[in-house]
Amino acid sequence: MAKFFPLGQVMGFIFSLVLTGIAMLVYFTDMSFTTGMIVLLVTAFIQAGLQFIVFMHAGETEDKWSIYSNIFYGLGLVIMTVLGTLLILLWDM
């Protein structure tokens, strides 16, 4: 019976709830803007990684490195798009 219980998914769900609770503390406590943004960014990236690995089963196939390289490629495109948008629209360059 224990081999049919999805312990990894349950632990991932509990860890996701803990990360959400930590992020909610930013709203309910009186943190400075810089500290709050750092906490939110760290918890957001950890939770995104958790979603990819645990719930989207990215690490369970034998071709997991191609999946991870696609994720890194997508992150690179996102960073270039955001920085390019800031460069043109906000920084007037």
C-alpha atoms as a PDB file:
ATOM      1  CA  MET A   1       0.000   0.000   0.000  1.00  0.00           C
ATOM      2  CA  ALA A   2       2.862   2.389   0.741  1.00  0.00           C
ATOM      3  CA  LYS A   3       4.172   2.157  -2.833  1.00  0.00           C
ATOM      4  CA  PHE A   4       0.852   3.482  -4.163  1.00  0.00           C
ATOM      5  CA  PHE A   5       0.774   6.532  -1.869  1.00  0.00           C
ATOM      6  CA  PRO A   6       2.141   9.656  -3.614  1.00  0.00           C
ATOM      7  CA  LEU A   7       4.394  10.791  -0.778  1.00  0.00           C
ATOM      8  CA  GLY A   8       6.464  13.072  -3.025  1.00  0.00           C
ATOM      9  CA  GLN A   9       3.391  14.944  -4.247  1.00  0.00           C
ATOM     10  CA  VAL A  10       1.962  15.296  -0.738  1.00  0.00           C
ATOM     11  CA  MET A  11       5.261  16.613   0.614  1.00  0.00           C
ATOM     12  CA  GLY A  12       5.525  18.974  -2.362  1.00  0.00           C
ATOM     13  CA  PHE A  13       2.015  20.252  -1.667  1.00  0.00           C
ATOM     14  CA  ILE A  14       2.798  20.828   2.013  1.00  0.00           C
ATOM     15  CA  PHE A  15       6.060  22.599   1.127  1.00  0.00           C
ATOM     16  CA  SER A  16       4.143  24.716  -1.397  1.00  0.00           C
ATOM     17  CA  LEU A  17       1.678  25.716   1.330  1.00  0.00           C
ATOM     18  CA  VAL A  18       4.561  26.625   3.656  1.00  0.00           C
ATOM     19  CA  LEU A  19       6.126  28.805   0.945  1.00  0.00           C
ATOM     20  CA  THR A  20       2.776  30.495   0.352  1.00  0.00           C
ATOM     21  CA  GLY A  21       2.482  31.151   4.093  1.00  0.00           C
ATOM     22  CA  ILE A  22       5.948  32.690   4.140  1.00  0.00           C
ATOM     23  CA  ALA A  23       4.999  34.932   1.217  1.00  0.00           C
ATOM     24  CA  MET A  24       1.805  35.973   3.016  1.00  0.00           C
ATOM     25  CA  LEU A  25       3.870  37.055   6.015  1.00  0.00           C
ATOM     26  CA  VAL A  26       5.271  39.827   3.819  1.00  0.00           C
ATOM     27  CA  TYR A  27       1.782  41.272   3.550  1.00  0.00           C
ATOM     28  CA  PHE A  28       0.745  40.797   7.170  1.00  0.00           C
ATOM     29  CA  THR A  29       3.967  41.955   8.835  1.00  0.00           C
ATOM     30  CA  ASP A  30       5.603  45.339   8.648  1.00  0.00           C
ATOM     31  CA  MET A  31       8.616  44.526   6.487  1.00  0.00           C
ATOM     32  CA  SER A  32      10.590  47.068   4.567  1.00  0.00           C
ATOM     33  CA  PHE A  33      10.105  47.155   0.808  1.00  0.00           C
ATOM     34  CA  THR A  34      13.529  45.697   0.060  1.00  0.00           C
ATOM     35  CA  THR A  35      13.202  42.836   2.541  1.00  0.00           C
ATOM     36  CA  GLY A  36       9.681  42.038   1.378  1.00  0.00           C
ATOM     37  CA  MET A  37      10.714  41.925  -2.274  1.00  0.00           C
ATOM     38  CA  ILE A  38      13.672  39.673  -1.516  1.00  0.00           C
ATOM     39  CA  VAL A  39      11.455  37.267   0.441  1.00  0.00           C
ATOM     40  CA  LEU A  40       8.816  37.268  -2.312  1.00  0.00           C
ATOM     41  CA  LEU A  41      11.350  36.661  -5.087  1.00  0.00           C
ATOM     42  CA  VAL A  42      13.112  33.849  -3.240  1.00  0.00           C
ATOM     43  CA  THR A  43       9.868  32.073  -2.338  1.00  0.00           C
ATOM     44  CA  ALA A  44       8.511  32.552  -5.867  1.00  0.00           C
ATOM     45  CA  PHE A  45      11.559  30.992  -7.531  1.00  0.00           C
ATOM     46  CA  ILE A  46      11.656  28.105  -5.053  1.00  0.00           C
ATOM     47  CA  GLN A  47       7.961  27.454  -5.582  1.00  0.00           C
ATOM     48  CA  ALA A  48       8.316  27.606  -9.384  1.00  0.00           C
ATOM     49  CA  GLY A  49      11.128  25.061  -9.225  1.00  0.00           C
ATOM     50  CA  LEU A  50       9.055  22.888  -6.932  1.00  0.00           C
ATOM     51  CA  GLN A  51       6.137  22.995  -9.373  1.00  0.00           C
ATOM     52  CA  PHE A  52       8.362  21.970 -12.292  1.00  0.00           C
ATOM     53  CA  ILE A  53      10.107  19.134 -10.519  1.00  0.00           C
ATOM     54  CA  VAL A  54       7.367  17.646  -8.341  1.00  0.00           C
ATOM     55  CA  PHE A  55       4.057  18.376 -10.035  1.00  0.00           C
ATOM     56  CA  MET A  56       5.093  18.499 -13.697  1.00  0.00           C
ATOM     57  CA  HIS A  57       7.326  15.413 -13.216  1.00  0.00           C
ATOM     58  CA  ALA A  58      10.325  17.064 -14.892  1.00  0.00           C
ATOM     59  CA  GLY A  59      12.852  14.873 -13.119  1.00  0.00           C
ATOM     60  CA  GLU A  60      11.143  11.506 -13.602  1.00  0.00           C
ATOM     61  CA  THR A  61      12.012  10.801 -17.234  1.00  0.00           C
ATOM     62  CA  GLU A  62      15.275   9.491 -18.595  1.00  0.00           C
ATOM     63  CA  ASP A  63      15.531  12.569 -20.832  1.00  0.00           C
ATOM     64  CA  LYS A  64      15.342  15.019 -17.929  1.00  0.00           C
ATOM     65  CA  TRP A  65      18.331  17.135 -19.022  1.00  0.00           C
ATOM     66  CA  SER A  66      16.591  18.171 -22.222  1.00  0.00           C
ATOM     67  CA  ILE A  67      13.599  19.246 -20.141  1.00  0.00           C
ATOM     68  CA  TYR A  68      15.840  21.228 -17.807  1.00  0.00           C
ATOM     69  CA  SER A  69      17.666  22.848 -20.727  1.00  0.00           C
ATOM     70  CA  ASN A  70      14.304  23.889 -22.221  1.00  0.00           C
ATOM     71  CA  ILE A  71      13.355  25.442 -18.880  1.00  0.00           C
ATOM     72  CA  PHE A  72      16.653  27.366 -18.716  1.00  0.00           C
ATOM     73  CA  TYR A  73      16.201  28.474 -22.330  1.00  0.00           C
ATOM     74  CA  GLY A  74      12.704  29.747 -21.508  1.00  0.00           C
ATOM     75  CA  LEU A  75      14.003  31.583 -18.442  1.00  0.00           C
ATOM     76  CA  GLY A  76      16.678  33.207 -20.593  1.00  0.00           C
ATOM     77  CA  LEU A  77      14.044  34.390 -23.051  1.00  0.00           C
ATOM     78  CA  VAL A  78      11.922  35.769 -20.217  1.00  0.00           C
ATOM     79  CA  ILE A  79      14.876  37.667 -18.742  1.00  0.00           C
ATOM     80  CA  MET A  80      15.838  39.116 -22.135  1.00  0.00           C
ATOM     81  CA  THR A  81      12.234  40.142 -22.838  1.00  0.00           C
ATOM     82  CA  VAL A  82      11.777  41.833 -19.462  1.00  0.00           C
ATOM     83  CA  LEU A  83      15.133  43.610 -19.590  1.00  0.00           C
ATOM     84  CA  GLY A  84      14.551  44.665 -23.203  1.00  0.00           C
ATOM     85  CA  THR A  85      11.140  46.041 -22.325  1.00  0.00           C
ATOM     86  CA  LEU A  86      12.569  47.959 -19.370  1.00  0.00           C
ATOM     87  CA  LEU A  87      15.425  49.205 -21.532  1.00  0.00           C
ATOM     88  CA  ILE A  88      13.100  50.607 -24.195  1.00  0.00           C
ATOM     89  CA  LEU A  89      10.012  51.725 -22.271  1.00  0.00           C
ATOM     90  CA  LEU A  90      11.315  52.737 -18.865  1.00  0.00           C
ATOM     91  CA  TRP A  91      14.952  53.689 -19.313  1.00  0.00           C
ATOM     92  CA  ASP A  92      14.467  55.410 -22.734  1.00  0.00           C
ATOM     93  CA  MET A  93      17.487  53.835 -24.432  1.00  0.00           C
END
